[in-house]
């Protein structure tokens, strides 16, 4: 049971952190499509795009590092706040929930599963 829990934890955590880092990298030095979407479409200032992108990378790395339980708890919380803000921002700009917005729920599910199996893994230890 412990091996399956650990396996599921790492699968979902690597997918979650990978998605978050992949989505953050264009915003570290925003230009092109990233700048157009975040600044022009959603209306975020450039300094915020850079800040949130760097924070997502740091949080994702914290989730990947074994141990660091308190920091990892904060990292999960911060990444979920980021995702909640992303969902809200897109819906607010579109004035409705479109089918394409469902894509943004994928990292929410991956993160929730990663968090669940992390806690389950701690209980079994």
PDB file of N, CA and C in Angstrom:
ATOM      1  N   UNK A   1       0.820  -1.199   0.000  1.00  0.00           N
ATOM      2  CA  UNK A   1       0.000   0.000   0.000  1.00  0.00           C
ATOM      3  C   UNK A   1       0.865   1.265   0.000  1.00  0.00           C
ATOM      4  N   UNK A   2       1.936   1.229   0.825  1.00  0.00           N
ATOM      5  CA  UNK A   2       2.801   2.396   0.906  1.00  0.00           C
ATOM      6  C   UNK A   2       3.514   2.658  -0.417  1.00  0.00           C
ATOM      7  N   UNK A   3       3.918   1.576  -1.116  1.00  0.00           N
ATOM      8  CA  UNK A   3       4.608   1.754  -2.394  1.00  0.00           C
ATOM      9  C   UNK A   3       3.674   2.347  -3.445  1.00  0.00           C
ATOM     10  N   UNK A   4       2.423   1.889  -3.495  1.00  0.00           N
ATOM     11  CA  UNK A   4       1.468   2.442  -4.462  1.00  0.00           C
ATOM     12  C   UNK A   4       1.184   3.910  -4.161  1.00  0.00           C
ATOM     13  N   UNK A   5       1.029   4.225  -2.882  1.00  0.00           N
ATOM     14  CA  UNK A   5       0.781   5.612  -2.488  1.00  0.00           C
ATOM     15  C   UNK A   5       1.946   6.491  -2.892  1.00  0.00           C
ATOM     16  N   UNK A   6       3.157   6.019  -2.639  1.00  0.00           N
ATOM     17  CA  UNK A   6       4.353   6.786  -3.007  1.00  0.00           C
ATOM     18  C   UNK A   6       4.441   6.951  -4.523  1.00  0.00           C
ATOM     19  N   UNK A   7       4.142   5.898  -5.249  1.00  0.00           N
ATOM     20  CA  UNK A   7       4.171   5.960  -6.714  1.00  0.00           C
ATOM     21  C   UNK A   7       3.158   6.976  -7.238  1.00  0.00           C
ATOM     22  N   UNK A   8       1.921   6.890  -6.747  1.00  0.00           N
ATOM     23  CA  UNK A   8       0.893   7.843  -7.176  1.00  0.00           C
ATOM     24  C   UNK A   8       1.266   9.269  -6.787  1.00  0.00           C
ATOM     25  N   UNK A   9       1.825   9.426  -5.590  1.00  0.00           N
ATOM     26  CA  UNK A   9       2.254  10.752  -5.154  1.00  0.00           C
ATOM     27  C   UNK A   9       3.252  11.339  -6.156  1.00  0.00           C
ATOM     28  N   UNK A  10       4.277  10.572  -6.523  1.00  0.00           N
ATOM     29  CA  UNK A  10       5.303  11.105  -7.414  1.00  0.00           C
ATOM     30  C   UNK A  10       4.771  11.341  -8.825  1.00  0.00           C
ATOM     31  N   UNK A  11       3.899  10.477  -9.301  1.00  0.00           N
ATOM     32  CA  UNK A  11       3.321  10.683 -10.636  1.00  0.00           C
ATOM     33  C   UNK A  11       2.553  11.995 -10.676  1.00  0.00           C
ATOM     34  N   UNK A  12       1.630  12.174  -9.730  1.00  0.00           N
ATOM     35  CA  UNK A  12       0.803  13.383  -9.741  1.00  0.00           C
ATOM     36  C   UNK A  12       1.609  14.632  -9.400  1.00  0.00           C
ATOM     37  N   UNK A  13       2.606  14.493  -8.546  1.00  0.00           N
ATOM     38  CA  UNK A  13       3.415  15.649  -8.165  1.00  0.00           C
ATOM     39  C   UNK A  13       4.290  16.116  -9.314  1.00  0.00           C
ATOM     40  N   UNK A  14       4.913  15.186 -10.014  1.00  0.00           N
ATOM     41  CA  UNK A  14       5.755  15.566 -11.158  1.00  0.00           C
ATOM     42  C   UNK A  14       4.893  16.193 -12.262  1.00  0.00           C
ATOM     43  N   UNK A  15       3.720  15.625 -12.527  1.00  0.00           N
ATOM     44  CA  UNK A  15       2.826  16.202 -13.540  1.00  0.00           C
ATOM     45  C   UNK A  15       2.357  17.597 -13.119  1.00  0.00           C
ATOM     46  N   UNK A  16       1.970  17.743 -11.855  1.00  0.00           N
ATOM     47  CA  UNK A  16       1.497  19.033 -11.340  1.00  0.00           C
ATOM     48  C   UNK A  16       2.602  20.079 -11.391  1.00  0.00           C
ATOM     49  N   UNK A  17       3.753  19.750 -10.820  1.00  0.00           N
ATOM     50  CA  UNK A  17       4.865  20.705 -10.791  1.00  0.00           C
ATOM     51  C   UNK A  17       5.347  21.016 -12.207  1.00  0.00           C
ATOM     52  N   UNK A  18       5.391  20.000 -13.056  1.00  0.00           N
ATOM     53  CA  UNK A  18       5.802  20.219 -14.444  1.00  0.00           C
ATOM     54  C   UNK A  18       4.867  21.172 -15.166  1.00  0.00           C
ATOM     55  N   UNK A  19       3.572  20.983 -14.978  1.00  0.00           N
ATOM     56  CA  UNK A  19       2.603  21.882 -15.606  1.00  0.00           C
ATOM     57  C   UNK A  19       2.754  23.303 -15.079  1.00  0.00           C
ATOM     58  N   UNK A  20       2.923  23.432 -13.768  1.00  0.00           N
ATOM     59  CA  UNK A  20       3.038  24.770 -13.179  1.00  0.00           C
ATOM     60  C   UNK A  20       4.315  25.472 -13.649  1.00  0.00           C
ATOM     61  N   UNK A  21       5.420  24.744 -13.725  1.00  0.00           N
ATOM     62  CA  UNK A  21       6.665  25.350 -14.210  1.00  0.00           C
ATOM     63  C   UNK A  21       6.533  25.700 -15.693  1.00  0.00           C
ATOM     64  N   UNK A  22       5.966  24.775 -16.473  1.00  0.00           N
ATOM     65  CA  UNK A  22       5.766  25.025 -17.908  1.00  0.00           C
ATOM     66  C   UNK A  22       4.921  26.281 -18.126  1.00  0.00           C
ATOM     67  N   UNK A  23       3.882  26.459 -17.317  1.00  0.00           N
ATOM     68  CA  UNK A  23       3.013  27.625 -17.490  1.00  0.00           C
ATOM     69  C   UNK A  23       3.648  28.900 -16.945  1.00  0.00           C
ATOM     70  N   UNK A  24       4.629  28.769 -16.052  1.00  0.00           N
ATOM     71  CA  UNK A  24       5.253  29.942 -15.446  1.00  0.00           C
ATOM     72  C   UNK A  24       6.413  30.500 -16.260  1.00  0.00           C
ATOM     73  N   UNK A  25       7.151  29.652 -16.947  1.00  0.00           N
ATOM     74  CA  UNK A  25       8.379  30.104 -17.615  1.00  0.00           C
ATOM     75  C   UNK A  25       8.182  31.257 -18.595  1.00  0.00           C
ATOM     76  N   UNK A  26       7.127  31.264 -19.420  1.00  0.00           N
ATOM     77  CA  UNK A  26       6.968  32.411 -20.327  1.00  0.00           C
ATOM     78  C   UNK A  26       6.759  33.742 -19.602  1.00  0.00           C
ATOM     79  N   UNK A  27       6.282  33.700 -18.369  1.00  0.00           N
ATOM     80  CA  UNK A  27       6.019  34.923 -17.629  1.00  0.00           C
ATOM     81  C   UNK A  27       7.215  35.460 -16.867  1.00  0.00           C
ATOM     82  N   UNK A  28       8.275  34.665 -16.758  1.00  0.00           N
ATOM     83  CA  UNK A  28       9.467  35.130 -16.050  1.00  0.00           C
ATOM     84  C   UNK A  28      10.076  36.319 -16.775  1.00  0.00           C
ATOM     85  N   UNK A  29      10.076  36.268 -18.090  1.00  0.00           N
ATOM     86  CA  UNK A  29      10.525  37.377 -18.928  1.00  0.00           C
ATOM     87  C   UNK A  29       9.459  37.554 -20.020  1.00  0.00           C
ATOM     88  N   UNK A  30       8.323  38.162 -19.652  1.00  0.00           N
ATOM     89  CA  UNK A  30       7.170  38.149 -20.564  1.00  0.00           C
ATOM     90  C   UNK A  30       7.378  38.951 -21.844  1.00  0.00           C
ATOM     91  N   UNK A  31       7.093  38.283 -22.941  1.00  0.00           N
ATOM     92  CA  UNK A  31       7.072  38.927 -24.254  1.00  0.00           C
ATOM     93  C   UNK A  31       6.221  38.068 -25.171  1.00  0.00           C
ATOM     94  N   UNK A  32       5.913  38.550 -26.308  1.00  0.00           N
ATOM     95  CA  UNK A  32       5.140  37.786 -27.282  1.00  0.00           C
ATOM     96  C   UNK A  32       3.762  37.410 -26.783  1.00  0.00           C
ATOM     97  N   UNK A  33       3.404  36.139 -26.992  1.00  0.00           N
ATOM     98  CA  UNK A  33       2.065  35.660 -26.640  1.00  0.00           C
ATOM     99  C   UNK A  33       1.789  35.728 -25.139  1.00  0.00           C
ATOM    100  N   UNK A  34       2.787  35.439 -24.329  1.00  0.00           N
ATOM    101  CA  UNK A  34       2.592  35.484 -22.873  1.00  0.00           C
ATOM    102  C   UNK A  34       2.229  36.894 -22.424  1.00  0.00           C
ATOM    103  N   UNK A  35       2.949  37.877 -22.940  1.00  0.00           N
ATOM    104  CA  UNK A  35       2.674  39.272 -22.597  1.00  0.00           C
ATOM    105  C   UNK A  35       1.316  39.694 -23.138  1.00  0.00           C
ATOM    106  N   UNK A  36       1.027  39.293 -24.347  1.00  0.00           N
ATOM    107  CA  UNK A  36      -0.254  39.647 -24.953  1.00  0.00           C
ATOM    108  C   UNK A  36      -1.413  39.078 -24.139  1.00  0.00           C
ATOM    109  N   UNK A  37      -1.319  37.812 -23.721  1.00  0.00           N
ATOM    110  CA  UNK A  37      -2.404  37.196 -22.980  1.00  0.00           C
ATOM    111  C   UNK A  37      -2.527  37.778 -21.570  1.00  0.00           C
ATOM    112  N   UNK A  38      -1.426  37.796 -20.829  1.00  0.00           N
ATOM    113  CA  UNK A  38      -1.481  38.211 -19.425  1.00  0.00           C
ATOM    114  C   UNK A  38      -1.680  39.720 -19.254  1.00  0.00           C
ATOM    115  N   UNK A  39      -1.021  40.497 -20.094  1.00  0.00           N
ATOM    116  CA  UNK A  39      -1.095  41.952 -19.941  1.00  0.00           C
ATOM    117  C   UNK A  39      -2.255  42.550 -20.742  1.00  0.00           C
ATOM    118  N   UNK A  40      -2.288  42.252 -22.029  1.00  0.00           N
ATOM    119  CA  UNK A  40      -3.290  42.876 -22.890  1.00  0.00           C
ATOM    120  C   UNK A  40      -4.687  42.284 -22.674  1.00  0.00           C
ATOM    121  N   UNK A  41      -4.775  40.955 -22.572  1.00  0.00           N
ATOM    122  CA  UNK A  41      -6.085  40.304 -22.459  1.00  0.00           C
ATOM    123  C   UNK A  41      -6.615  40.322 -21.022  1.00  0.00           C
ATOM    124  N   UNK A  42      -5.774  39.866 -20.066  1.00  0.00           N
ATOM    125  CA  UNK A  42      -6.231  39.798 -18.673  1.00  0.00           C
ATOM    126  C   UNK A  42      -6.017  41.094 -17.904  1.00  0.00           C
ATOM    127  N   UNK A  43      -5.091  41.930 -18.379  1.00  0.00           N
ATOM    128  CA  UNK A  43      -4.889  43.233 -17.762  1.00  0.00           C
ATOM    129  C   UNK A  43      -3.908  43.278 -16.607  1.00  0.00           C
ATOM    130  N   UNK A  44      -3.099  42.241 -16.430  1.00  0.00           N
ATOM    131  CA  UNK A  44      -2.128  42.239 -15.336  1.00  0.00           C
ATOM    132  C   UNK A  44      -0.935  43.118 -15.683  1.00  0.00           C
ATOM    133  N   UNK A  45      -0.413  43.867 -14.708  1.00  0.00           N
ATOM    134  CA  UNK A  45       0.811  44.638 -14.963  1.00  0.00           C
ATOM    135  C   UNK A  45       2.001  43.693 -15.147  1.00  0.00           C
ATOM    136  N   UNK A  46       2.978  44.117 -15.912  1.00  0.00           N
ATOM    137  CA  UNK A  46       4.131  43.278 -16.247  1.00  0.00           C
ATOM    138  C   UNK A  46       4.875  42.843 -14.984  1.00  0.00           C
ATOM    139  N   UNK A  47       5.035  43.755 -14.015  1.00  0.00           N
ATOM    140  CA  UNK A  47       5.761  43.377 -12.801  1.00  0.00           C
ATOM    141  C   UNK A  47       5.044  42.260 -12.048  1.00  0.00           C
ATOM    142  N   UNK A  48       3.717  42.216 -12.096  1.00  0.00           N
ATOM    143  CA  UNK A  48       2.970  41.144 -11.425  1.00  0.00           C
ATOM    144  C   UNK A  48       3.134  39.825 -12.178  1.00  0.00           C
ATOM    145  N   UNK A  49       3.153  39.889 -13.498  1.00  0.00           N
ATOM    146  CA  UNK A  49       3.346  38.676 -14.307  1.00  0.00           C
ATOM    147  C   UNK A  49       4.678  38.029 -13.937  1.00  0.00           C
ATOM    148  N   UNK A  50       5.715  38.842 -13.841  1.00  0.00           N
ATOM    149  CA  UNK A  50       7.033  38.316 -13.481  1.00  0.00           C
ATOM    150  C   UNK A  50       7.036  37.764 -12.055  1.00  0.00           C
ATOM    151  N   UNK A  51       6.438  38.484 -11.130  1.00  0.00           N
ATOM    152  CA  UNK A  51       6.397  38.044  -9.735  1.00  0.00           C
ATOM    153  C   UNK A  51       5.678  36.707  -9.591  1.00  0.00           C
ATOM    154  N   UNK A  52       4.486  36.604 -10.146  1.00  0.00           N
ATOM    155  CA  UNK A  52       3.690  35.388  -9.990  1.00  0.00           C
ATOM    156  C   UNK A  52       4.360  34.211 -10.698  1.00  0.00           C
ATOM    157  N   UNK A  53       5.036  34.475 -11.788  1.00  0.00           N
ATOM    158  CA  UNK A  53       5.724  33.407 -12.518  1.00  0.00           C
ATOM    159  C   UNK A  53       6.904  32.858 -11.718  1.00  0.00           C
ATOM    160  N   UNK A  54       7.698  33.732 -11.150  1.00  0.00           N
ATOM    161  CA  UNK A  54       8.823  33.287 -10.324  1.00  0.00           C
ATOM    162  C   UNK A  54       8.302  32.559  -9.083  1.00  0.00           C
ATOM    163  N   UNK A  55       7.235  33.065  -8.479  1.00  0.00           N
ATOM    164  CA  UNK A  55       6.643  32.415  -7.304  1.00  0.00           C
ATOM    165  C   UNK A  55       6.140  31.013  -7.651  1.00  0.00           C
ATOM    166  N   UNK A  56       5.556  30.845  -8.845  1.00  0.00           N
ATOM    167  CA  UNK A  56       5.086  29.524  -9.271  1.00  0.00           C
ATOM    168  C   UNK A  56       6.241  28.545  -9.450  1.00  0.00           C
ATOM    169  N   UNK A  57       7.344  29.011  -9.993  1.00  0.00           N
ATOM    170  CA  UNK A  57       8.514  28.141 -10.164  1.00  0.00           C
ATOM    171  C   UNK A  57       9.057  27.729  -8.792  1.00  0.00           C
ATOM    172  N   UNK A  58       9.197  28.679  -7.886  1.00  0.00           N
ATOM    173  CA  UNK A  58       9.722  28.374  -6.550  1.00  0.00           C
ATOM    174  C   UNK A  58       8.770  27.424  -5.812  1.00  0.00           C
ATOM    175  N   UNK A  59       7.475  27.694  -5.880  1.00  0.00           N
ATOM    176  CA  UNK A  59       6.491  26.826  -5.234  1.00  0.00           C
ATOM    177  C   UNK A  59       6.505  25.424  -5.812  1.00  0.00           C
ATOM    178  N   UNK A  60       6.643  25.321  -7.108  1.00  0.00           N
ATOM    179  CA  UNK A  60       6.687  24.015  -7.763  1.00  0.00           C
ATOM    180  C   UNK A  60       7.924  23.229  -7.348  1.00  0.00           C
ATOM    181  N   UNK A  61       9.048  23.914  -7.244  1.00  0.00           N
ATOM    182  CA  UNK A  61      10.270  23.244  -6.790  1.00  0.00           C
ATOM    183  C   UNK A  61      10.132  22.796  -5.336  1.00  0.00           C
ATOM    184  N   UNK A  62       9.483  23.609  -4.510  1.00  0.00           N
ATOM    185  CA  UNK A  62       9.266  23.235  -3.106  1.00  0.00           C
ATOM    186  C   UNK A  62       8.400  21.986  -2.984  1.00  0.00           C
ATOM    187  N   UNK A  63       7.423  21.864  -3.879  1.00  0.00           N
ATOM    188  CA  UNK A  63       6.553  20.685  -3.865  1.00  0.00           C
ATOM    189  C   UNK A  63       7.346  19.441  -4.256  1.00  0.00           C
ATOM    190  N   UNK A  64       8.344  19.590  -5.092  1.00  0.00           N
ATOM    191  CA  UNK A  64       9.135  18.453  -5.557  1.00  0.00           C
ATOM    192  C   UNK A  64      10.201  17.985  -4.560  1.00  0.00           C
ATOM    193  N   UNK A  65      10.666  18.874  -3.708  1.00  0.00           N
ATOM    194  CA  UNK A  65      11.752  18.537  -2.788  1.00  0.00           C
ATOM    195  C   UNK A  65      11.195  17.708  -1.625  1.00  0.00           C
ATOM    196  N   UNK A  66      11.757  16.528  -1.390  1.00  0.00           N
ATOM    197  CA  UNK A  66      11.297  15.721  -0.251  1.00  0.00           C
ATOM    198  C   UNK A  66      11.552  16.440   1.079  1.00  0.00           C
ATOM    199  N   UNK A  67      10.686  16.177   2.039  1.00  0.00           N
ATOM    200  CA  UNK A  67      10.803  16.848   3.330  1.00  0.00           C
ATOM    201  C   UNK A  67      10.160  18.228   3.240  1.00  0.00           C
ATOM    202  N   UNK A  68      10.705  19.174   3.920  1.00  0.00           N
ATOM    203  CA  UNK A  68      10.220  20.566   3.906  1.00  0.00           C
ATOM    204  C   UNK A  68       8.695  20.646   4.098  1.00  0.00           C
ATOM    205  N   UNK A  69       8.161  19.892   5.037  1.00  0.00           N
ATOM    206  CA  UNK A  69       6.708  19.768   5.154  1.00  0.00           C
ATOM    207  C   UNK A  69       5.979  21.094   5.304  1.00  0.00           C
ATOM    208  N   UNK A  70       6.465  21.981   6.154  1.00  0.00           N
ATOM    209  CA  UNK A  70       5.783  23.266   6.363  1.00  0.00           C
ATOM    210  C   UNK A  70       5.833  24.116   5.094  1.00  0.00           C
ATOM    211  N   UNK A  71       6.999  24.176   4.469  1.00  0.00           N
ATOM    212  CA  UNK A  71       7.151  24.958   3.234  1.00  0.00           C
ATOM    213  C   UNK A  71       6.304  24.349   2.120  1.00  0.00           C
ATOM    214  N   UNK A  72       6.278  23.030   2.053  1.00  0.00           N
ATOM    215  CA  UNK A  72       5.492  22.340   1.025  1.00  0.00           C
ATOM    216  C   UNK A  72       4.005  22.654   1.196  1.00  0.00           C
ATOM    217  N   UNK A  73       3.535  22.692   2.437  1.00  0.00           N
ATOM    218  CA  UNK A  73       2.133  23.025   2.713  1.00  0.00           C
ATOM    219  C   UNK A  73       1.812  24.427   2.186  1.00  0.00           C
ATOM    220  N   UNK A  74       2.700  25.366   2.440  1.00  0.00           N
ATOM    221  CA  UNK A  74       2.520  26.737   1.950  1.00  0.00           C
ATOM    222  C   UNK A  74       2.601  26.786   0.420  1.00  0.00           C
ATOM    223  N   UNK A  75       3.491  25.991  -0.147  1.00  0.00           N
ATOM    224  CA  UNK A  75       3.633  25.971  -1.603  1.00  0.00           C
ATOM    225  C   UNK A  75       2.356  25.455  -2.265  1.00  0.00           C
ATOM    226  N   UNK A  76       1.804  24.366  -1.737  1.00  0.00           N
ATOM    227  CA  UNK A  76       0.531  23.864  -2.273  1.00  0.00           C
ATOM    228  C   UNK A  76      -0.542  24.954  -2.191  1.00  0.00           C
ATOM    229  N   UNK A  77      -0.627  25.619  -1.042  1.00  0.00           N
ATOM    230  CA  UNK A  77      -1.639  26.671  -0.867  1.00  0.00           C
ATOM    231  C   UNK A  77      -1.436  27.785  -1.892  1.00  0.00           C
ATOM    232  N   UNK A  78      -0.202  28.241  -2.042  1.00  0.00           N
ATOM    233  CA  UNK A  78       0.080  29.313  -2.991  1.00  0.00           C
ATOM    234  C   UNK A  78      -0.234  28.924  -4.426  1.00  0.00           C
ATOM    235  N   UNK A  79       0.099  27.701  -4.801  1.00  0.00           N
ATOM    236  CA  UNK A  79      -0.174  27.249  -6.166  1.00  0.00           C
ATOM    237  C   UNK A  79      -1.681  27.126  -6.404  1.00  0.00           C
ATOM    238  N   UNK A  80      -2.426  26.687  -5.393  1.00  0.00           N
ATOM    239  CA  UNK A  80      -3.878  26.613  -5.550  1.00  0.00           C
ATOM    240  C   UNK A  80      -4.498  28.012  -5.628  1.00  0.00           C
ATOM    241  N   UNK A  81      -3.971  28.971  -4.849  1.00  0.00           N
ATOM    242  CA  UNK A  81      -4.457  30.350  -4.965  1.00  0.00           C
ATOM    243  C   UNK A  81      -4.177  30.895  -6.360  1.00  0.00           C
ATOM    244  N   UNK A  82      -3.006  30.582  -6.890  1.00  0.00           N
ATOM    245  CA  UNK A  82      -2.667  31.006  -8.245  1.00  0.00           C
ATOM    246  C   UNK A  82      -3.657  30.430  -9.256  1.00  0.00           C
ATOM    247  N   UNK A  83      -3.954  29.150  -9.128  1.00  0.00           N
ATOM    248  CA  UNK A  83      -4.886  28.503 -10.061  1.00  0.00           C
ATOM    249  C   UNK A  83      -6.300  29.057  -9.904  1.00  0.00           C
ATOM    250  N   UNK A  84      -6.720  29.306  -8.670  1.00  0.00           N
ATOM    251  CA  UNK A  84      -8.047  29.893  -8.447  1.00  0.00           C
ATOM    252  C   UNK A  84      -8.111  31.285  -9.072  1.00  0.00           C
ATOM    253  N   UNK A  85      -7.037  32.048  -8.930  1.00  0.00           N
ATOM    254  CA  UNK A  85      -6.990  33.377  -9.541  1.00  0.00           C
ATOM    255  C   UNK A  85      -7.009  33.306 -11.056  1.00  0.00           C
ATOM    256  N   UNK A  86      -6.343  32.314 -11.616  1.00  0.00           N
ATOM    257  CA  UNK A  86      -6.332  32.144 -13.072  1.00  0.00           C
ATOM    258  C   UNK A  86      -7.728  31.813 -13.588  1.00  0.00           C
ATOM    259  N   UNK A  87      -8.397  30.880 -12.915  1.00  0.00           N
ATOM    260  CA  UNK A  87      -9.762  30.518 -13.328  1.00  0.00           C
ATOM    261  C   UNK A  87     -10.676  31.735 -13.228  1.00  0.00           C
ATOM    262  N   UNK A  88     -10.603  32.434 -12.106  1.00  0.00           N
ATOM    263  CA  UNK A  88     -11.451  33.613 -11.907  1.00  0.00           C
ATOM    264  C   UNK A  88     -11.155  34.693 -12.947  1.00  0.00           C
ATOM    265  N   UNK A  89      -9.876  34.943 -13.207  1.00  0.00           N
ATOM    266  CA  UNK A  89      -9.497  35.990 -14.161  1.00  0.00           C
ATOM    267  C   UNK A  89     -10.026  35.699 -15.557  1.00  0.00           C
ATOM    268  N   UNK A  90      -9.873  34.470 -16.010  1.00  0.00           N
ATOM    269  CA  UNK A  90     -10.329  34.113 -17.357  1.00  0.00           C
ATOM    270  C   UNK A  90     -11.854  34.221 -17.449  1.00  0.00           C
ATOM    271  N   UNK A  91     -12.555  33.727 -16.435  1.00  0.00           N
ATOM    272  CA  UNK A  91     -14.023  33.809 -16.453  1.00  0.00           C
ATOM    273  C   UNK A  91     -14.478  35.267 -16.387  1.00  0.00           C
ATOM    274  N   UNK A  92     -13.801  36.084 -15.570  1.00  0.00           N
ATOM    275  CA  UNK A  92     -14.178  37.494 -15.441  1.00  0.00           C
ATOM    276  C   UNK A  92     -14.008  38.245 -16.756  1.00  0.00           C
ATOM    277  N   UNK A  93     -12.935  37.956 -17.475  1.00  0.00           N
ATOM    278  CA  UNK A  93     -12.683  38.634 -18.748  1.00  0.00           C
ATOM    279  C   UNK A  93     -13.654  38.137 -19.820  1.00  0.00           C
ATOM    280  N   UNK A  94     -13.926  36.833 -19.839  1.00  0.00           N
ATOM    281  CA  UNK A  94     -14.822  36.268 -20.855  1.00  0.00           C
ATOM    282  C   UNK A  94     -16.283  36.544 -20.541  1.00  0.00           C
ATOM    283  N   UNK A  95     -16.584  36.884 -19.293  1.00  0.00           N
ATOM    284  CA  UNK A  95     -17.953  37.125 -18.830  1.00  0.00           C
ATOM    285  C   UNK A  95     -18.817  35.860 -18.845  1.00  0.00           C
ATOM    286  N   UNK A  96     -18.176  34.697 -18.990  1.00  0.00           N
ATOM    287  CA  UNK A  96     -18.892  33.424 -18.980  1.00  0.00           C
ATOM    288  C   UNK A  96     -17.879  32.299 -18.866  1.00  0.00           C
ATOM    289  N   UNK A  97     -18.381  31.106 -18.600  1.00  0.00           N
ATOM    290  CA  UNK A  97     -17.521  29.930 -18.523  1.00  0.00           C
ATOM    291  C   UNK A  97     -17.619  29.196 -19.848  1.00  0.00           C
ATOM    292  N   UNK A  98     -16.507  29.120 -20.569  1.00  0.00           N
ATOM    293  CA  UNK A  98     -16.481  28.451 -21.867  1.00  0.00           C
ATOM    294  C   UNK A  98     -15.809  27.083 -21.727  1.00  0.00           C
ATOM    295  N   UNK A  99     -16.077  26.215 -22.664  1.00  0.00           N
ATOM    296  CA  UNK A  99     -15.520  24.855 -22.628  1.00  0.00           C
ATOM    297  C   UNK A  99     -13.990  24.881 -22.622  1.00  0.00           C
ATOM    298  N   UNK A 100     -13.377  25.827 -23.309  1.00  0.00           N
ATOM    299  CA  UNK A 100     -11.923  25.937 -23.343  1.00  0.00           C
ATOM    300  C   UNK A 100     -11.326  26.233 -21.980  1.00  0.00           C
ATOM    301  N   UNK A 101     -12.122  26.778 -21.081  1.00  0.00           N
ATOM    302  CA  UNK A 101     -11.660  27.096 -19.741  1.00  0.00           C
ATOM    303  C   UNK A 101     -11.470  25.833 -18.913  1.00  0.00           C
ATOM    304  N   UNK A 102     -12.083  24.743 -19.322  1.00  0.00           N
ATOM    305  CA  UNK A 102     -11.941  23.490 -18.584  1.00  0.00           C
ATOM    306  C   UNK A 102     -10.491  23.026 -18.525  1.00  0.00           C
ATOM    307  N   UNK A 103      -9.679  23.408 -19.529  1.00  0.00           N
ATOM    308  CA  UNK A 103      -8.268  23.027 -19.549  1.00  0.00           C
ATOM    309  C   UNK A 103      -7.562  23.503 -18.291  1.00  0.00           C
ATOM    310  N   UNK A 104      -7.969  24.650 -17.785  1.00  0.00           N
ATOM    311  CA  UNK A 104      -7.317  25.220 -16.616  1.00  0.00           C
ATOM    312  C   UNK A 104      -7.630  24.419 -15.348  1.00  0.00           C
ATOM    313  N   UNK A 105      -8.660  23.574 -15.406  1.00  0.00           N
ATOM    314  CA  UNK A 105      -8.993  22.754 -14.248  1.00  0.00           C
ATOM    315  C   UNK A 105      -8.106  21.512 -14.140  1.00  0.00           C
ATOM    316  N   UNK A 106      -7.407  21.153 -15.200  1.00  0.00           N
ATOM    317  CA  UNK A 106      -6.506  19.999 -15.175  1.00  0.00           C
ATOM    318  C   UNK A 106      -5.438  20.133 -14.089  1.00  0.00           C
ATOM    319  N   UNK A 107      -4.709  21.258 -14.010  1.00  0.00           N
ATOM    320  CA  UNK A 107      -3.709  21.348 -12.939  1.00  0.00           C
ATOM    321  C   UNK A 107      -4.340  21.372 -11.544  1.00  0.00           C
ATOM    322  N   UNK A 108      -5.574  21.832 -11.427  1.00  0.00           N
ATOM    323  CA  UNK A 108      -6.256  21.809 -10.130  1.00  0.00           C
ATOM    324  C   UNK A 108      -6.436  20.355  -9.686  1.00  0.00           C
ATOM    325  N   UNK A 109      -6.871  19.508 -10.603  1.00  0.00           N
ATOM    326  CA  UNK A 109      -7.069  18.088 -10.298  1.00  0.00           C
ATOM    327  C   UNK A 109      -5.727  17.423  -9.989  1.00  0.00           C
ATOM    328  N   UNK A 110      -4.719  17.686 -10.802  1.00  0.00           N
ATOM    329  CA  UNK A 110      -3.387  17.108 -10.556  1.00  0.00           C
ATOM    330  C   UNK A 110      -2.841  17.546  -9.199  1.00  0.00           C
ATOM    331  N   UNK A 111      -3.002  18.820  -8.884  1.00  0.00           N
ATOM    332  CA  UNK A 111      -2.527  19.340  -7.595  1.00  0.00           C
ATOM    333  C   UNK A 111      -3.286  18.742  -6.425  1.00  0.00           C
ATOM    334  N   UNK A 112      -4.592  18.586  -6.569  1.00  0.00           N
ATOM    335  CA  UNK A 112      -5.394  17.994  -5.497  1.00  0.00           C
ATOM    336  C   UNK A 112      -4.983  16.543  -5.256  1.00  0.00           C
ATOM    337  N   UNK A 113      -4.738  15.812  -6.324  1.00  0.00           N
ATOM    338  CA  UNK A 113      -4.294  14.420  -6.181  1.00  0.00           C
ATOM    339  C   UNK A 113      -2.889  14.344  -5.578  1.00  0.00           C
ATOM    340  N   UNK A 114      -2.012  15.233  -5.996  1.00  0.00           N
ATOM    341  CA  UNK A 114      -0.668  15.280  -5.429  1.00  0.00           C
ATOM    342  C   UNK A 114      -0.739  15.560  -3.932  1.00  0.00           C
ATOM    343  N   UNK A 115      -1.542  16.528  -3.555  1.00  0.00           N
ATOM    344  CA  UNK A 115      -1.691  16.905  -2.147  1.00  0.00           C
ATOM    345  C   UNK A 115      -2.298  15.758  -1.337  1.00  0.00           C
ATOM    346  N   UNK A 116      -3.305  15.104  -1.893  1.00  0.00           N
ATOM    347  CA  UNK A 116      -3.948  13.974  -1.214  1.00  0.00           C
ATOM    348  C   UNK A 116      -2.939  12.855  -0.955  1.00  0.00           C
ATOM    349  N   UNK A 117      -2.191  12.475  -1.987  1.00  0.00           N
ATOM    350  CA  UNK A 117      -1.246  11.369  -1.829  1.00  0.00           C
ATOM    351  C   UNK A 117      -0.045  11.761  -0.969  1.00  0.00           C
ATOM    352  N   UNK A 118       0.310  13.037  -0.941  1.00  0.00           N
ATOM    353  CA  UNK A 118       1.371  13.496  -0.045  1.00  0.00           C
ATOM    354  C   UNK A 118       0.944  13.298   1.406  1.00  0.00           C
ATOM    355  N   UNK A 119      -0.288  13.716   1.718  1.00  0.00           N
ATOM    356  CA  UNK A 119      -0.795  13.535   3.076  1.00  0.00           C
ATOM    357  C   UNK A 119      -0.977  12.061   3.419  1.00  0.00           C
ATOM    358  N   UNK A 120      -1.444  11.276   2.464  1.00  0.00           N
ATOM    359  CA  UNK A 120      -1.617   9.834   2.667  1.00  0.00           C
ATOM    360  C   UNK A 120      -0.261   9.177   2.931  1.00  0.00           C
ATOM    361  N   UNK A 121       0.751   9.609   2.201  1.00  0.00           N
ATOM    362  CA  UNK A 121       2.107   9.074   2.351  1.00  0.00           C
ATOM    363  C   UNK A 121       2.646   9.400   3.750  1.00  0.00           C
ATOM    364  N   UNK A 122       2.378  10.605   4.240  1.00  0.00           N
ATOM    365  CA  UNK A 122       2.816  10.992   5.586  1.00  0.00           C
ATOM    366  C   UNK A 122       2.118  10.149   6.650  1.00  0.00           C
ATOM    367  N   UNK A 123       0.830   9.856   6.440  1.00  0.00           N
ATOM    368  CA  UNK A 123       0.088   9.034   7.401  1.00  0.00           C
ATOM    369  C   UNK A 123       0.647   7.620   7.480  1.00  0.00           C
ATOM    370  N   UNK A 124       1.068   7.076   6.357  1.00  0.00           N
ATOM    371  CA  UNK A 124       1.559   5.700   6.310  1.00  0.00           C
ATOM    372  C   UNK A 124       2.991   5.562   6.838  1.00  0.00           C
ATOM    373  N   UNK A 125       3.695   6.694   6.908  1.00  0.00           N
ATOM    374  CA  UNK A 125       5.094   6.644   7.360  1.00  0.00           C
ATOM    375  C   UNK A 125       5.214   6.419   8.852  1.00  0.00           C
TER     376      UNK A 125
END
